[in-house]
Amino acid sequence: MRVTAAAALALAVGLAPAAGAQPAGGWAGGGVAPRPGLAPDPIDQSRALSSRGAPTAGPPPTIQYRLVPEQRVHVPGTGREVVIPPYYERLLPDQSWQAPPVTGYGTRGEGPVYIPEPRQLAP
């Protein structure tokens, strides 16, 4: 049987990948690039996804309003207590909080009591 040079070359080209082949990314070589026409190796895909890093959340949102809970204030000299209902304060550009005009009331339903706007620095 006589083999021509062209047939030997075709035979060698067909056998060369199989002779030195090992599983792509498997136990023998790890990280072997996938051959054209084959699906990518799932282990390499998993490794790439795990080494990517987590996305960042960005800066925290600025607080523009805050809730002030109900307060009970003892009025000096009268011996009575005034209830201030909950309200929202607004953050101003100078970093202080502005409260709206608040009306309180007595613990026994006594008439409204006007409470002036308290201004204070943000915590």
PDB file of N, CA and C in Angstrom:
ATOM      1  N   MET A   1       0.847  -1.165   0.000  1.00  0.00           N
ATOM      2  CA  MET A   1       0.000   0.000   0.000  1.00  0.00           C
ATOM      3  C   MET A   1       0.890   1.224   0.000  1.00  0.00           C
ATOM      4  N   ARG A   2       0.608   2.048  -0.916  1.00  0.00           N
ATOM      5  CA  ARG A   2       1.434   3.223  -1.103  1.00  0.00           C
ATOM      6  C   ARG A   2       0.639   4.463  -0.716  1.00  0.00           C
ATOM      7  N   VAL A   3       1.223   5.349   0.144  1.00  0.00           N
ATOM      8  CA  VAL A   3       0.544   6.571   0.594  1.00  0.00           C
ATOM      9  C   VAL A   3       1.235   7.754  -0.055  1.00  0.00           C
ATOM     10  N   THR A   4       0.445   8.595  -0.696  1.00  0.00           N
ATOM     11  CA  THR A   4       1.020   9.782  -1.319  1.00  0.00           C
ATOM     12  C   THR A   4       1.211  10.872  -0.268  1.00  0.00           C
ATOM     13  N   ALA A   5       1.963  11.865  -0.608  1.00  0.00           N
ATOM     14  CA  ALA A   5       2.244  12.963   0.315  1.00  0.00           C
ATOM     15  C   ALA A   5       0.968  13.730   0.662  1.00  0.00           C
ATOM     16  N   ALA A   6       0.091  13.909  -0.301  1.00  0.00           N
ATOM     17  CA  ALA A   6      -1.156  14.634  -0.057  1.00  0.00           C
ATOM     18  C   ALA A   6      -2.053  13.847   0.881  1.00  0.00           C
ATOM     19  N   ALA A   7      -2.109  12.531   0.728  1.00  0.00           N
ATOM     20  CA  ALA A   7      -2.940  11.706   1.598  1.00  0.00           C
ATOM     21  C   ALA A   7      -2.359  11.658   2.999  1.00  0.00           C
ATOM     22  N   ALA A   8      -1.033  11.631   3.120  1.00  0.00           N
ATOM     23  CA  ALA A   8      -0.386  11.624   4.437  1.00  0.00           C
ATOM     24  C   ALA A   8      -0.643  12.941   5.171  1.00  0.00           C
ATOM     25  N   LEU A   9      -0.577  14.043   4.425  1.00  0.00           N
ATOM     26  CA  LEU A   9      -0.841  15.351   5.032  1.00  0.00           C
ATOM     27  C   LEU A   9      -2.288  15.440   5.490  1.00  0.00           C
ATOM     28  N   ALA A  10      -3.220  14.971   4.684  1.00  0.00           N
ATOM     29  CA  ALA A  10      -4.632  15.001   5.060  1.00  0.00           C
ATOM     30  C   ALA A  10      -4.884  14.110   6.267  1.00  0.00           C
ATOM     31  N   LEU A  11      -4.230  12.975   6.321  1.00  0.00           N
ATOM     32  CA  LEU A  11      -4.371  12.064   7.444  1.00  0.00           C
ATOM     33  C   LEU A  11      -3.770  12.682   8.713  1.00  0.00           C
ATOM     34  N   ALA A  12      -2.626  13.343   8.601  1.00  0.00           N
ATOM     35  CA  ALA A  12      -1.970  13.970   9.748  1.00  0.00           C
ATOM     36  C   ALA A  12      -2.784  15.148  10.284  1.00  0.00           C
ATOM     37  N   VAL A  13      -3.358  15.913   9.394  1.00  0.00           N
ATOM     38  CA  VAL A  13      -4.175  17.049   9.812  1.00  0.00           C
ATOM     39  C   VAL A  13      -5.411  16.558  10.545  1.00  0.00           C
ATOM     40  N   GLY A  14      -6.009  15.491  10.092  1.00  0.00           N
ATOM     41  CA  GLY A  14      -7.197  14.935  10.717  1.00  0.00           C
ATOM     42  C   GLY A  14      -6.910  14.326  12.075  1.00  0.00           C
ATOM     43  N   LEU A  15      -5.704  13.775  12.296  1.00  0.00           N
ATOM     44  CA  LEU A  15      -5.380  13.121  13.558  1.00  0.00           C
ATOM     45  C   LEU A  15      -4.670  14.025  14.560  1.00  0.00           C
ATOM     46  N   ALA A  16      -4.089  15.124  14.115  1.00  0.00           N
ATOM     47  CA  ALA A  16      -3.273  15.959  15.004  1.00  0.00           C
ATOM     48  C   ALA A  16      -4.051  16.488  16.205  1.00  0.00           C
ATOM     49  N   PRO A  17      -5.234  17.037  16.062  1.00  0.00           N
ATOM     50  CA  PRO A  17      -5.926  17.533  17.247  1.00  0.00           C
ATOM     51  C   PRO A  17      -6.293  16.418  18.207  1.00  0.00           C
ATOM     52  N   ALA A  18      -6.627  15.250  17.707  1.00  0.00           N
ATOM     53  CA  ALA A  18      -7.033  14.158  18.584  1.00  0.00           C
ATOM     54  C   ALA A  18      -5.844  13.565  19.321  1.00  0.00           C
ATOM     55  N   ALA A  19      -4.665  13.590  18.729  1.00  0.00           N
ATOM     56  CA  ALA A  19      -3.499  12.986  19.348  1.00  0.00           C
ATOM     57  C   ALA A  19      -3.084  13.753  20.602  1.00  0.00           C
ATOM     58  N   GLY A  20      -3.138  15.084  20.572  1.00  0.00           N
ATOM     59  CA  GLY A  20      -2.719  15.873  21.739  1.00  0.00           C
ATOM     60  C   GLY A  20      -3.892  16.489  22.470  1.00  0.00           C
ATOM     61  N   ALA A  21      -5.087  16.026  22.199  1.00  0.00           N
ATOM     62  CA  ALA A  21      -6.270  16.658  22.780  1.00  0.00           C
ATOM     63  C   ALA A  21      -6.437  16.287  24.244  1.00  0.00           C
ATOM     64  N   GLN A  22      -6.951  17.241  25.004  1.00  0.00           N
ATOM     65  CA  GLN A  22      -7.317  17.018  26.394  1.00  0.00           C
ATOM     66  C   GLN A  22      -8.601  17.779  26.652  1.00  0.00           C
ATOM     67  N   PRO A  23      -9.319  17.453  27.681  1.00  0.00           N
ATOM     68  CA  PRO A  23     -10.593  18.132  27.924  1.00  0.00           C
ATOM     69  C   PRO A  23     -10.389  19.636  28.117  1.00  0.00           C
ATOM     70  N   ALA A  24     -11.187  20.433  27.436  1.00  0.00           N
ATOM     71  CA  ALA A  24     -11.072  21.889  27.537  1.00  0.00           C
ATOM     72  C   ALA A  24     -11.477  22.342  28.925  1.00  0.00           C
ATOM     73  N   GLY A  25     -10.507  22.872  29.679  1.00  0.00           N
ATOM     74  CA  GLY A  25     -10.792  23.370  31.015  1.00  0.00           C
ATOM     75  C   GLY A  25     -11.019  22.267  32.016  1.00  0.00           C
ATOM     76  N   GLY A  26     -10.782  21.033  31.635  1.00  0.00           N
ATOM     77  CA  GLY A  26     -11.051  19.916  32.533  1.00  0.00           C
ATOM     78  C   GLY A  26      -9.875  19.593  33.425  1.00  0.00           C
ATOM     79  N   TRP A  27      -9.785  18.347  33.817  1.00  0.00           N
ATOM     80  CA  TRP A  27      -8.801  17.899  34.783  1.00  0.00           C
ATOM     81  C   TRP A  27      -7.376  17.969  34.279  1.00  0.00           C
ATOM     82  N   ALA A  28      -7.140  17.810  32.964  1.00  0.00           N
ATOM     83  CA  ALA A  28      -5.775  17.678  32.474  1.00  0.00           C
ATOM     84  C   ALA A  28      -5.090  19.013  32.255  1.00  0.00           C
ATOM     85  N   GLY A  29      -5.792  19.990  31.705  1.00  0.00           N
ATOM     86  CA  GLY A  29      -5.074  21.207  31.357  1.00  0.00           C
ATOM     87  C   GLY A  29      -5.631  22.441  32.018  1.00  0.00           C
ATOM     88  N   GLY A  30      -6.896  22.520  32.193  1.00  0.00           N
ATOM     89  CA  GLY A  30      -7.527  23.684  32.790  1.00  0.00           C
ATOM     90  C   GLY A  30      -7.241  24.941  31.997  1.00  0.00           C
ATOM     91  N   GLY A  31      -8.250  25.697  31.694  1.00  0.00           N
ATOM     92  CA  GLY A  31      -8.071  26.968  31.024  1.00  0.00           C
ATOM     93  C   GLY A  31      -7.741  26.855  29.546  1.00  0.00           C
ATOM     94  N   VAL A  32      -7.908  25.717  28.942  1.00  0.00           N
ATOM     95  CA  VAL A  32      -7.644  25.553  27.517  1.00  0.00           C
ATOM     96  C   VAL A  32      -8.745  26.283  26.764  1.00  0.00           C
ATOM     97  N   ALA A  33      -8.349  27.089  25.794  1.00  0.00           N
ATOM     98  CA  ALA A  33      -9.327  27.868  25.038  1.00  0.00           C
ATOM     99  C   ALA A  33     -10.236  26.936  24.249  1.00  0.00           C
ATOM    100  N   PRO A  34     -11.531  27.248  24.160  1.00  0.00           N
ATOM    101  CA  PRO A  34     -12.448  26.388  23.416  1.00  0.00           C
ATOM    102  C   PRO A  34     -12.100  26.410  21.932  1.00  0.00           C
ATOM    103  N   ARG A  35     -12.273  25.270  21.294  1.00  0.00           N
ATOM    104  CA  ARG A  35     -12.009  25.166  19.865  1.00  0.00           C
ATOM    105  C   ARG A  35     -13.192  25.757  19.113  1.00  0.00           C
ATOM    106  N   PRO A  36     -12.934  26.290  17.926  1.00  0.00           N
ATOM    107  CA  PRO A  36     -14.034  26.865  17.134  1.00  0.00           C
ATOM    108  C   PRO A  36     -15.089  25.810  16.834  1.00  0.00           C
ATOM    109  N   GLY A  37     -16.334  26.217  16.950  1.00  0.00           N
ATOM    110  CA  GLY A  37     -17.433  25.325  16.651  1.00  0.00           C
ATOM    111  C   GLY A  37     -17.957  24.570  17.860  1.00  0.00           C
ATOM    112  N   LEU A  38     -17.252  24.600  18.996  1.00  0.00           N
ATOM    113  CA  LEU A  38     -17.699  23.911  20.201  1.00  0.00           C
ATOM    114  C   LEU A  38     -18.232  24.924  21.214  1.00  0.00           C
ATOM    115  N   ALA A  39     -19.090  24.473  22.080  1.00  0.00           N
ATOM    116  CA  ALA A  39     -19.645  25.351  23.119  1.00  0.00           C
ATOM    117  C   ALA A  39     -18.560  25.677  24.147  1.00  0.00           C
ATOM    118  N   PRO A  40     -18.599  26.873  24.780  1.00  0.00           N
ATOM    119  CA  PRO A  40     -17.603  27.211  25.787  1.00  0.00           C
ATOM    120  C   PRO A  40     -17.714  26.293  27.004  1.00  0.00           C
ATOM    121  N   ASP A  41     -16.605  26.128  27.677  1.00  0.00           N
ATOM    122  CA  ASP A  41     -16.544  25.242  28.832  1.00  0.00           C
ATOM    123  C   ASP A  41     -17.292  25.860  30.011  1.00  0.00           C
ATOM    124  N   PRO A  42     -18.220  25.144  30.666  1.00  0.00           N
ATOM    125  CA  PRO A  42     -18.982  25.706  31.788  1.00  0.00           C
ATOM    126  C   PRO A  42     -18.100  26.063  32.986  1.00  0.00           C
ATOM    127  N   ILE A  43     -17.012  25.336  33.193  1.00  0.00           N
ATOM    128  CA  ILE A  43     -16.128  25.653  34.323  1.00  0.00           C
ATOM    129  C   ILE A  43     -15.422  26.982  34.083  1.00  0.00           C
ATOM    130  N   ASP A  44     -14.962  27.203  32.841  1.00  0.00           N
ATOM    131  CA  ASP A  44     -14.328  28.484  32.523  1.00  0.00           C
ATOM    132  C   ASP A  44     -15.331  29.631  32.637  1.00  0.00           C
ATOM    133  N   GLN A  45     -16.564  29.396  32.218  1.00  0.00           N
ATOM    134  CA  GLN A  45     -17.590  30.436  32.344  1.00  0.00           C
ATOM    135  C   GLN A  45     -17.839  30.763  33.811  1.00  0.00           C
ATOM    136  N   SER A  46     -17.929  29.753  34.650  1.00  0.00           N
ATOM    137  CA  SER A  46     -18.165  29.971  36.073  1.00  0.00           C
ATOM    138  C   SER A  46     -16.996  30.713  36.712  1.00  0.00           C
ATOM    139  N   ARG A  47     -15.785  30.338  36.341  1.00  0.00           N
ATOM    140  CA  ARG A  47     -14.595  31.006  36.878  1.00  0.00           C
ATOM    141  C   ARG A  47     -14.593  32.485  36.475  1.00  0.00           C
ATOM    142  N   ALA A  48     -14.929  32.774  35.232  1.00  0.00           N
ATOM    143  CA  ALA A  48     -14.958  34.159  34.761  1.00  0.00           C
ATOM    144  C   ALA A  48     -16.028  34.961  35.494  1.00  0.00           C
ATOM    145  N   LEU A  49     -17.208  34.359  35.715  1.00  0.00           N
ATOM    146  CA  LEU A  49     -18.280  35.065  36.420  1.00  0.00           C
ATOM    147  C   LEU A  49     -17.921  35.326  37.882  1.00  0.00           C
ATOM    148  N   SER A  50     -17.238  34.381  38.522  1.00  0.00           N
ATOM    149  CA  SER A  50     -16.926  34.548  39.942  1.00  0.00           C
ATOM    150  C   SER A  50     -15.793  35.530  40.182  1.00  0.00           C
ATOM    151  N   SER A  51     -14.956  35.762  39.211  1.00  0.00           N
ATOM    152  CA  SER A  51     -13.835  36.685  39.408  1.00  0.00           C
ATOM    153  C   SER A  51     -14.135  38.073  38.877  1.00  0.00           C
ATOM    154  N   ARG A  52     -15.360  38.320  38.453  1.00  0.00           N
ATOM    155  CA  ARG A  52     -15.744  39.600  37.873  1.00  0.00           C
ATOM    156  C   ARG A  52     -15.862  40.714  38.899  1.00  0.00           C
ATOM    157  N   GLY A  53     -16.292  40.429  40.091  1.00  0.00           N
ATOM    158  CA  GLY A  53     -16.512  41.465  41.095  1.00  0.00           C
ATOM    159  C   GLY A  53     -17.975  41.857  41.157  1.00  0.00           C
ATOM    160  N   ALA A  54     -18.349  42.437  42.258  1.00  0.00           N
ATOM    161  CA  ALA A  54     -19.739  42.837  42.460  1.00  0.00           C
ATOM    162  C   ALA A  54     -19.955  44.268  41.976  1.00  0.00           C
ATOM    163  N   PRO A  55     -21.142  44.572  41.457  1.00  0.00           N
ATOM    164  CA  PRO A  55     -21.420  45.944  41.045  1.00  0.00           C
ATOM    165  C   PRO A  55     -21.553  46.854  42.258  1.00  0.00           C
ATOM    166  N   THR A  56     -21.259  48.123  42.074  1.00  0.00           N
ATOM    167  CA  THR A  56     -21.363  49.077  43.174  1.00  0.00           C
ATOM    168  C   THR A  56     -22.772  49.646  43.244  1.00  0.00           C
ATOM    169  N   ALA A  57     -23.188  50.033  44.428  1.00  0.00           N
ATOM    170  CA  ALA A  57     -24.540  50.547  44.639  1.00  0.00           C
ATOM    171  C   ALA A  57     -24.648  52.037  44.333  1.00  0.00           C
ATOM    172  N   GLY A  58     -23.562  52.756  44.335  1.00  0.00           N
ATOM    173  CA  GLY A  58     -23.594  54.183  44.095  1.00  0.00           C
ATOM    174  C   GLY A  58     -23.739  54.944  45.405  1.00  0.00           C
ATOM    175  N   PRO A  59     -23.805  56.267  45.328  1.00  0.00           N
ATOM    176  CA  PRO A  59     -23.896  57.057  46.554  1.00  0.00           C
ATOM    177  C   PRO A  59     -25.271  56.920  47.203  1.00  0.00           C
ATOM    178  N   PRO A  60     -25.329  57.044  48.527  1.00  0.00           N
ATOM    179  CA  PRO A  60     -26.632  56.957  49.196  1.00  0.00           C
ATOM    180  C   PRO A  60     -27.482  58.194  48.867  1.00  0.00           C
ATOM    181  N   PRO A  61     -28.788  58.038  48.837  1.00  0.00           N
ATOM    182  CA  PRO A  61     -29.636  59.185  48.535  1.00  0.00           C
ATOM    183  C   PRO A  61     -29.594  60.212  49.668  1.00  0.00           C
ATOM    184  N   THR A  62     -29.774  61.461  49.312  1.00  0.00           N
ATOM    185  CA  THR A  62     -29.789  62.508  50.332  1.00  0.00           C
ATOM    186  C   THR A  62     -31.163  62.539  50.993  1.00  0.00           C
ATOM    187  N   ILE A  63     -31.161  62.735  52.287  1.00  0.00           N
ATOM    188  CA  ILE A  63     -32.411  62.806  53.038  1.00  0.00           C
ATOM    189  C   ILE A  63     -32.921  64.235  52.939  1.00  0.00           C
ATOM    190  N   GLN A  64     -34.124  64.404  52.446  1.00  0.00           N
ATOM    191  CA  GLN A  64     -34.685  65.739  52.313  1.00  0.00           C
ATOM    192  C   GLN A  64     -35.788  66.003  53.324  1.00  0.00           C
ATOM    193  N   TYR A  65     -36.393  64.943  53.848  1.00  0.00           N
ATOM    194  CA  TYR A  65     -37.432  65.071  54.859  1.00  0.00           C
ATOM    195  C   TYR A  65     -37.181  64.041  55.947  1.00  0.00           C
ATOM    196  N   ARG A  66     -37.571  64.360  57.160  1.00  0.00           N
ATOM    197  CA  ARG A  66     -37.501  63.383  58.240  1.00  0.00           C
ATOM    198  C   ARG A  66     -38.733  63.547  59.122  1.00  0.00           C
ATOM    199  N   LEU A  67     -39.181  62.415  59.661  1.00  0.00           N
ATOM    200  CA  LEU A  67     -40.365  62.394  60.506  1.00  0.00           C
ATOM    201  C   LEU A  67     -39.960  62.633  61.951  1.00  0.00           C
ATOM    202  N   VAL A  68     -40.640  63.573  62.589  1.00  0.00           N
ATOM    203  CA  VAL A  68     -40.444  63.822  64.015  1.00  0.00           C
ATOM    204  C   VAL A  68     -41.643  63.185  64.722  1.00  0.00           C
ATOM    205  N   PRO A  69     -41.400  62.220  65.608  1.00  0.00           N
ATOM    206  CA  PRO A  69     -42.521  61.531  66.252  1.00  0.00           C
ATOM    207  C   PRO A  69     -43.264  62.441  67.235  1.00  0.00           C
ATOM    208  N   GLU A  70     -44.394  61.954  67.712  1.00  0.00           N
ATOM    209  CA  GLU A  70     -45.187  62.703  68.697  1.00  0.00           C
ATOM    210  C   GLU A  70     -44.347  62.991  69.938  1.00  0.00           C
ATOM    211  N   GLN A  71     -44.505  64.206  70.461  1.00  0.00           N
ATOM    212  CA  GLN A  71     -43.758  64.612  71.654  1.00  0.00           C
ATOM    213  C   GLN A  71     -44.733  65.108  72.714  1.00  0.00           C
ATOM    214  N   ARG A  72     -44.380  64.894  73.967  1.00  0.00           N
ATOM    215  CA  ARG A  72     -45.144  65.437  75.087  1.00  0.00           C
ATOM    216  C   ARG A  72     -44.211  66.347  75.861  1.00  0.00           C
ATOM    217  N   VAL A  73     -44.596  67.614  75.954  1.00  0.00           N
ATOM    218  CA  VAL A  73     -43.747  68.629  76.567  1.00  0.00           C
ATOM    219  C   VAL A  73     -44.438  69.170  77.810  1.00  0.00           C
ATOM    220  N   HIS A  74     -43.701  69.212  78.910  1.00  0.00           N
ATOM    221  CA  HIS A  74     -44.229  69.782  80.158  1.00  0.00           C
ATOM    222  C   HIS A  74     -44.019  71.299  80.107  1.00  0.00           C
ATOM    223  N   VAL A  75     -45.112  72.060  80.287  1.00  0.00           N
ATOM    224  CA  VAL A  75     -45.045  73.518  80.255  1.00  0.00           C
ATOM    225  C   VAL A  75     -44.691  74.006  81.649  1.00  0.00           C
ATOM    226  N   PRO A  76     -43.528  74.664  81.805  1.00  0.00           N
ATOM    227  CA  PRO A  76     -43.116  75.104  83.142  1.00  0.00           C
ATOM    228  C   PRO A  76     -44.054  76.182  83.696  1.00  0.00           C
ATOM    229  N   GLY A  77     -44.288  76.127  84.968  1.00  0.00           N
ATOM    230  CA  GLY A  77     -45.112  77.121  85.646  1.00  0.00           C
ATOM    231  C   GLY A  77     -46.596  76.832  85.624  1.00  0.00           C
ATOM    232  N   THR A  78     -47.063  75.997  84.726  1.00  0.00           N
ATOM    233  CA  THR A  78     -48.495  75.716  84.655  1.00  0.00           C
ATOM    234  C   THR A  78     -48.825  74.326  85.174  1.00  0.00           C
ATOM    235  N   GLY A  79     -47.858  73.450  85.175  1.00  0.00           N
ATOM    236  CA  GLY A  79     -48.109  72.102  85.649  1.00  0.00           C
ATOM    237  C   GLY A  79     -48.900  71.254  84.668  1.00  0.00           C
ATOM    238  N   ARG A  80     -49.006  71.677  83.415  1.00  0.00           N
ATOM    239  CA  ARG A  80     -49.728  70.864  82.445  1.00  0.00           C
ATOM    240  C   ARG A  80     -48.799  70.398  81.327  1.00  0.00           C
ATOM    241  N   GLU A  81     -49.295  69.446  80.577  1.00  0.00           N
ATOM    242  CA  GLU A  81     -48.510  68.835  79.513  1.00  0.00           C
ATOM    243  C   GLU A  81     -49.173  69.155  78.170  1.00  0.00           C
ATOM    244  N   VAL A  82     -48.352  69.436  77.144  1.00  0.00           N
ATOM    245  CA  VAL A  82     -48.843  69.715  75.796  1.00  0.00           C
ATOM    246  C   VAL A  82     -48.356  68.599  74.878  1.00  0.00           C
ATOM    247  N   VAL A  83     -49.256  68.099  74.054  1.00  0.00           N
ATOM    248  CA  VAL A  83     -48.928  67.046  73.093  1.00  0.00           C
ATOM    249  C   VAL A  83     -48.681  67.696  71.737  1.00  0.00           C
ATOM    250  N   ILE A  84     -47.509  67.410  71.147  1.00  0.00           N
ATOM    251  CA  ILE A  84     -47.176  67.901  69.810  1.00  0.00           C
ATOM    252  C   ILE A  84     -47.312  66.704  68.863  1.00  0.00           C
ATOM    253  N   PRO A  85     -48.230  66.777  67.896  1.00  0.00           N
ATOM    254  CA  PRO A  85     -48.430  65.637  66.988  1.00  0.00           C
ATOM    255  C   PRO A  85     -47.211  65.427  66.073  1.00  0.00           C
ATOM    256  N   PRO A  86     -47.094  64.244  65.468  1.00  0.00           N
ATOM    257  CA  PRO A  86     -45.956  64.008  64.561  1.00  0.00           C
ATOM    258  C   PRO A  86     -46.010  64.928  63.353  1.00  0.00           C
ATOM    259  N   TYR A  87     -44.829  65.291  62.841  1.00  0.00           N
ATOM    260  CA  TYR A  87     -44.738  66.157  61.666  1.00  0.00           C
ATOM    261  C   TYR A  87     -43.424  65.873  60.941  1.00  0.00           C
ATOM    262  N   TYR A  88     -43.307  66.390  59.713  1.00  0.00           N
ATOM    263  CA  TYR A  88     -42.093  66.225  58.913  1.00  0.00           C
ATOM    264  C   TYR A  88     -41.304  67.521  58.901  1.00  0.00           C
ATOM    265  N   GLU A  89     -39.978  67.407  59.023  1.00  0.00           N
ATOM    266  CA  GLU A  89     -39.082  68.544  58.877  1.00  0.00           C
ATOM    267  C   GLU A  89     -38.399  68.451  57.517  1.00  0.00           C
ATOM    268  N   ARG A  90     -38.049  69.607  56.956  1.00  0.00           N
ATOM    269  CA  ARG A  90     -37.421  69.667  55.635  1.00  0.00           C
ATOM    270  C   ARG A  90     -35.974  70.119  55.773  1.00  0.00           C
ATOM    271  N   LEU A  91     -35.052  69.480  55.022  1.00  0.00           N
ATOM    272  CA  LEU A  91     -33.641  69.847  55.043  1.00  0.00           C
ATOM    273  C   LEU A  91     -33.426  71.057  54.143  1.00  0.00           C
ATOM    274  N   LEU A  92     -32.800  72.093  54.693  1.00  0.00           N
ATOM    275  CA  LEU A  92     -32.514  73.309  53.941  1.00  0.00           C
ATOM    276  C   LEU A  92     -31.106  73.247  53.366  1.00  0.00           C
ATOM    277  N   PRO A  93     -30.793  74.086  52.369  1.00  0.00           N
ATOM    278  CA  PRO A  93     -29.449  74.074  51.762  1.00  0.00           C
ATOM    279  C   PRO A  93     -28.312  74.363  52.754  1.00  0.00           C
ATOM    280  N   ASP A  94     -28.598  75.078  53.834  1.00  0.00           N
ATOM    281  CA  ASP A  94     -27.543  75.363  54.816  1.00  0.00           C
ATOM    282  C   ASP A  94     -27.391  74.237  55.841  1.00  0.00           C
ATOM    283  N   GLN A  95     -27.956  73.065  55.538  1.00  0.00           N
ATOM    284  CA  GLN A  95     -27.880  71.861  56.369  1.00  0.00           C
ATOM    285  C   GLN A  95     -28.603  71.982  57.707  1.00  0.00           C
ATOM    286  N   SER A  96     -29.587  72.845  57.805  1.00  0.00           N
ATOM    287  CA  SER A  96     -30.433  72.909  58.989  1.00  0.00           C
ATOM    288  C   SER A  96     -31.809  72.365  58.620  1.00  0.00           C
ATOM    289  N   TRP A  97     -32.579  72.000  59.622  1.00  0.00           N
ATOM    290  CA  TRP A  97     -33.905  71.428  59.412  1.00  0.00           C
ATOM    291  C   TRP A  97     -34.962  72.472  59.695  1.00  0.00           C
ATOM    292  N   GLN A  98     -35.966  72.560  58.828  1.00  0.00           N
ATOM    293  CA  GLN A  98     -37.059  73.509  59.009  1.00  0.00           C
ATOM    294  C   GLN A  98     -38.333  72.741  59.318  1.00  0.00           C
ATOM    295  N   ALA A  99     -38.941  73.092  60.453  1.00  0.00           N
ATOM    296  CA  ALA A  99     -40.208  72.470  60.844  1.00  0.00           C
ATOM    297  C   ALA A  99     -41.351  73.396  60.441  1.00  0.00           C
ATOM    298  N   PRO A 100     -42.491  72.842  60.062  1.00  0.00           N
ATOM    299  CA  PRO A 100     -43.641  73.686  59.736  1.00  0.00           C
ATOM    300  C   PRO A 100     -44.234  74.251  61.026  1.00  0.00           C
ATOM    301  N   PRO A 101     -45.104  75.239  60.918  1.00  0.00           N
ATOM    302  CA  PRO A 101     -45.791  75.703  62.114  1.00  0.00           C
ATOM    303  C   PRO A 101     -46.593  74.539  62.708  1.00  0.00           C
ATOM    304  N   VAL A 102     -46.405  74.287  63.993  1.00  0.00           N
ATOM    305  CA  VAL A 102     -47.026  73.143  64.641  1.00  0.00           C
ATOM    306  C   VAL A 102     -48.015  73.634  65.682  1.00  0.00           C
ATOM    307  N   THR A 103     -49.149  72.980  65.752  1.00  0.00           N
ATOM    308  CA  THR A 103     -50.152  73.277  66.768  1.00  0.00           C
ATOM    309  C   THR A 103     -50.294  72.070  67.663  1.00  0.00           C
ATOM    310  N   GLY A 104     -50.077  72.280  68.956  1.00  0.00           N
ATOM    311  CA  GLY A 104     -50.224  71.195  69.913  1.00  0.00           C
ATOM    312  C   GLY A 104     -51.580  71.274  70.599  1.00  0.00           C
ATOM    313  N   TYR A 105     -51.815  70.349  71.491  1.00  0.00           N
ATOM    314  CA  TYR A 105     -53.061  70.340  72.250  1.00  0.00           C
ATOM    315  C   TYR A 105     -52.797  69.735  73.614  1.00  0.00           C
ATOM    316  N   GLY A 106     -53.705  69.995  74.569  1.00  0.00           N
ATOM    317  CA  GLY A 106     -53.557  69.466  75.917  1.00  0.00           C
ATOM    318  C   GLY A 106     -53.912  67.992  75.971  1.00  0.00           C
ATOM    319  N   THR A 107     -53.466  67.329  77.043  1.00  0.00           N
ATOM    320  CA  THR A 107     -53.719  65.896  77.185  1.00  0.00           C
ATOM    321  C   THR A 107     -55.188  65.589  77.419  1.00  0.00           C
ATOM    322  N   ARG A 108     -55.968  66.565  77.844  1.00  0.00           N
ATOM    323  CA  ARG A 108     -57.399  66.361  78.080  1.00  0.00           C
ATOM    324  C   ARG A 108     -58.245  67.031  77.012  1.00  0.00           C
ATOM    325  N   GLY A 109     -57.628  67.298  75.852  1.00  0.00           N
ATOM    326  CA  GLY A 109     -58.380  67.913  74.763  1.00  0.00           C
ATOM    327  C   GLY A 109     -58.456  69.422  74.856  1.00  0.00           C
ATOM    328  N   GLU A 110     -57.638  70.053  75.689  1.00  0.00           N
ATOM    329  CA  GLU A 110     -57.649  71.510  75.780  1.00  0.00           C
ATOM    330  C   GLU A 110     -57.288  72.106  74.424  1.00  0.00           C
ATOM    331  N   GLY A 111     -57.756  73.325  74.210  1.00  0.00           N
ATOM    332  CA  GLY A 111     -57.603  74.035  72.948  1.00  0.00           C
ATOM    333  C   GLY A 111     -56.209  74.001  72.343  1.00  0.00           C
ATOM    334  N   PRO A 112     -56.098  74.438  71.122  1.00  0.00           N
ATOM    335  CA  PRO A 112     -54.812  74.391  70.427  1.00  0.00           C
ATOM    336  C   PRO A 112     -53.786  75.336  71.056  1.00  0.00           C
ATOM    337  N   VAL A 113     -52.542  74.904  70.988  1.00  0.00           N
ATOM    338  CA  VAL A 113     -51.417  75.695  71.485  1.00  0.00           C
ATOM    339  C   VAL A 113     -50.448  75.848  70.318  1.00  0.00           C
ATOM    340  N   TYR A 114     -50.161  77.096  69.935  1.00  0.00           N
ATOM    341  CA  TYR A 114     -49.242  77.351  68.831  1.00  0.00           C
ATOM    342  C   TYR A 114     -47.803  77.150  69.312  1.00  0.00           C
ATOM    343  N   ILE A 115     -47.005  76.416  68.518  1.00  0.00           N
ATOM    344  CA  ILE A 115     -45.606  76.168  68.858  1.00  0.00           C
ATOM    345  C   ILE A 115     -44.766  76.753  67.729  1.00  0.00           C
ATOM    346  N   PRO A 116     -43.875  77.713  68.041  1.00  0.00           N
ATOM    347  CA  PRO A 116     -43.081  78.336  66.975  1.00  0.00           C
ATOM    348  C   PRO A 116     -42.106  77.343  66.323  1.00  0.00           C
ATOM    349  N   GLU A 117     -41.612  77.707  65.145  1.00  0.00           N
ATOM    350  CA  GLU A 117     -40.706  76.836  64.384  1.00  0.00           C
ATOM    351  C   GLU A 117     -39.346  76.719  65.073  1.00  0.00           C
ATOM    352  N   PRO A 118     -38.961  75.517  65.454  1.00  0.00           N
ATOM    353  CA  PRO A 118     -37.617  75.345  66.002  1.00  0.00           C
ATOM    354  C   PRO A 118     -36.639  75.070  64.856  1.00  0.00           C
ATOM    355  N   ARG A 119     -35.515  75.762  64.827  1.00  0.00           N
ATOM    356  CA  ARG A 119     -34.469  75.511  63.804  1.00  0.00           C
ATOM    357  C   ARG A 119     -33.270  74.908  64.486  1.00  0.00           C
ATOM    358  N   GLN A 120     -32.773  73.834  63.909  1.00  0.00           N
ATOM    359  CA  GLN A 120     -31.608  73.182  64.495  1.00  0.00           C
ATOM    360  C   GLN A 120     -30.730  72.619  63.385  1.00  0.00           C
ATOM    361  N   LEU A 121     -29.479  72.345  63.695  1.00  0.00           N
ATOM    362  CA  LEU A 121     -28.551  71.793  62.707  1.00  0.00           C
ATOM    363  C   LEU A 121     -28.859  70.312  62.492  1.00  0.00           C
ATOM    364  N   ALA A 122     -28.558  69.860  61.289  1.00  0.00           N
ATOM    365  CA  ALA A 122     -28.771  68.436  60.973  1.00  0.00           C
ATOM    366  C   ALA A 122     -27.807  67.573  61.773  1.00  0.00           C
ATOM    367  N   PRO A 123     -28.256  66.370  62.162  1.00  0.00           N
ATOM    368  CA  PRO A 123     -27.358  65.495  62.929  1.00  0.00           C
ATOM    369  C   PRO A 123     -26.236  64.951  62.085  1.00  0.00           C
TER     370      PRO A 123
END
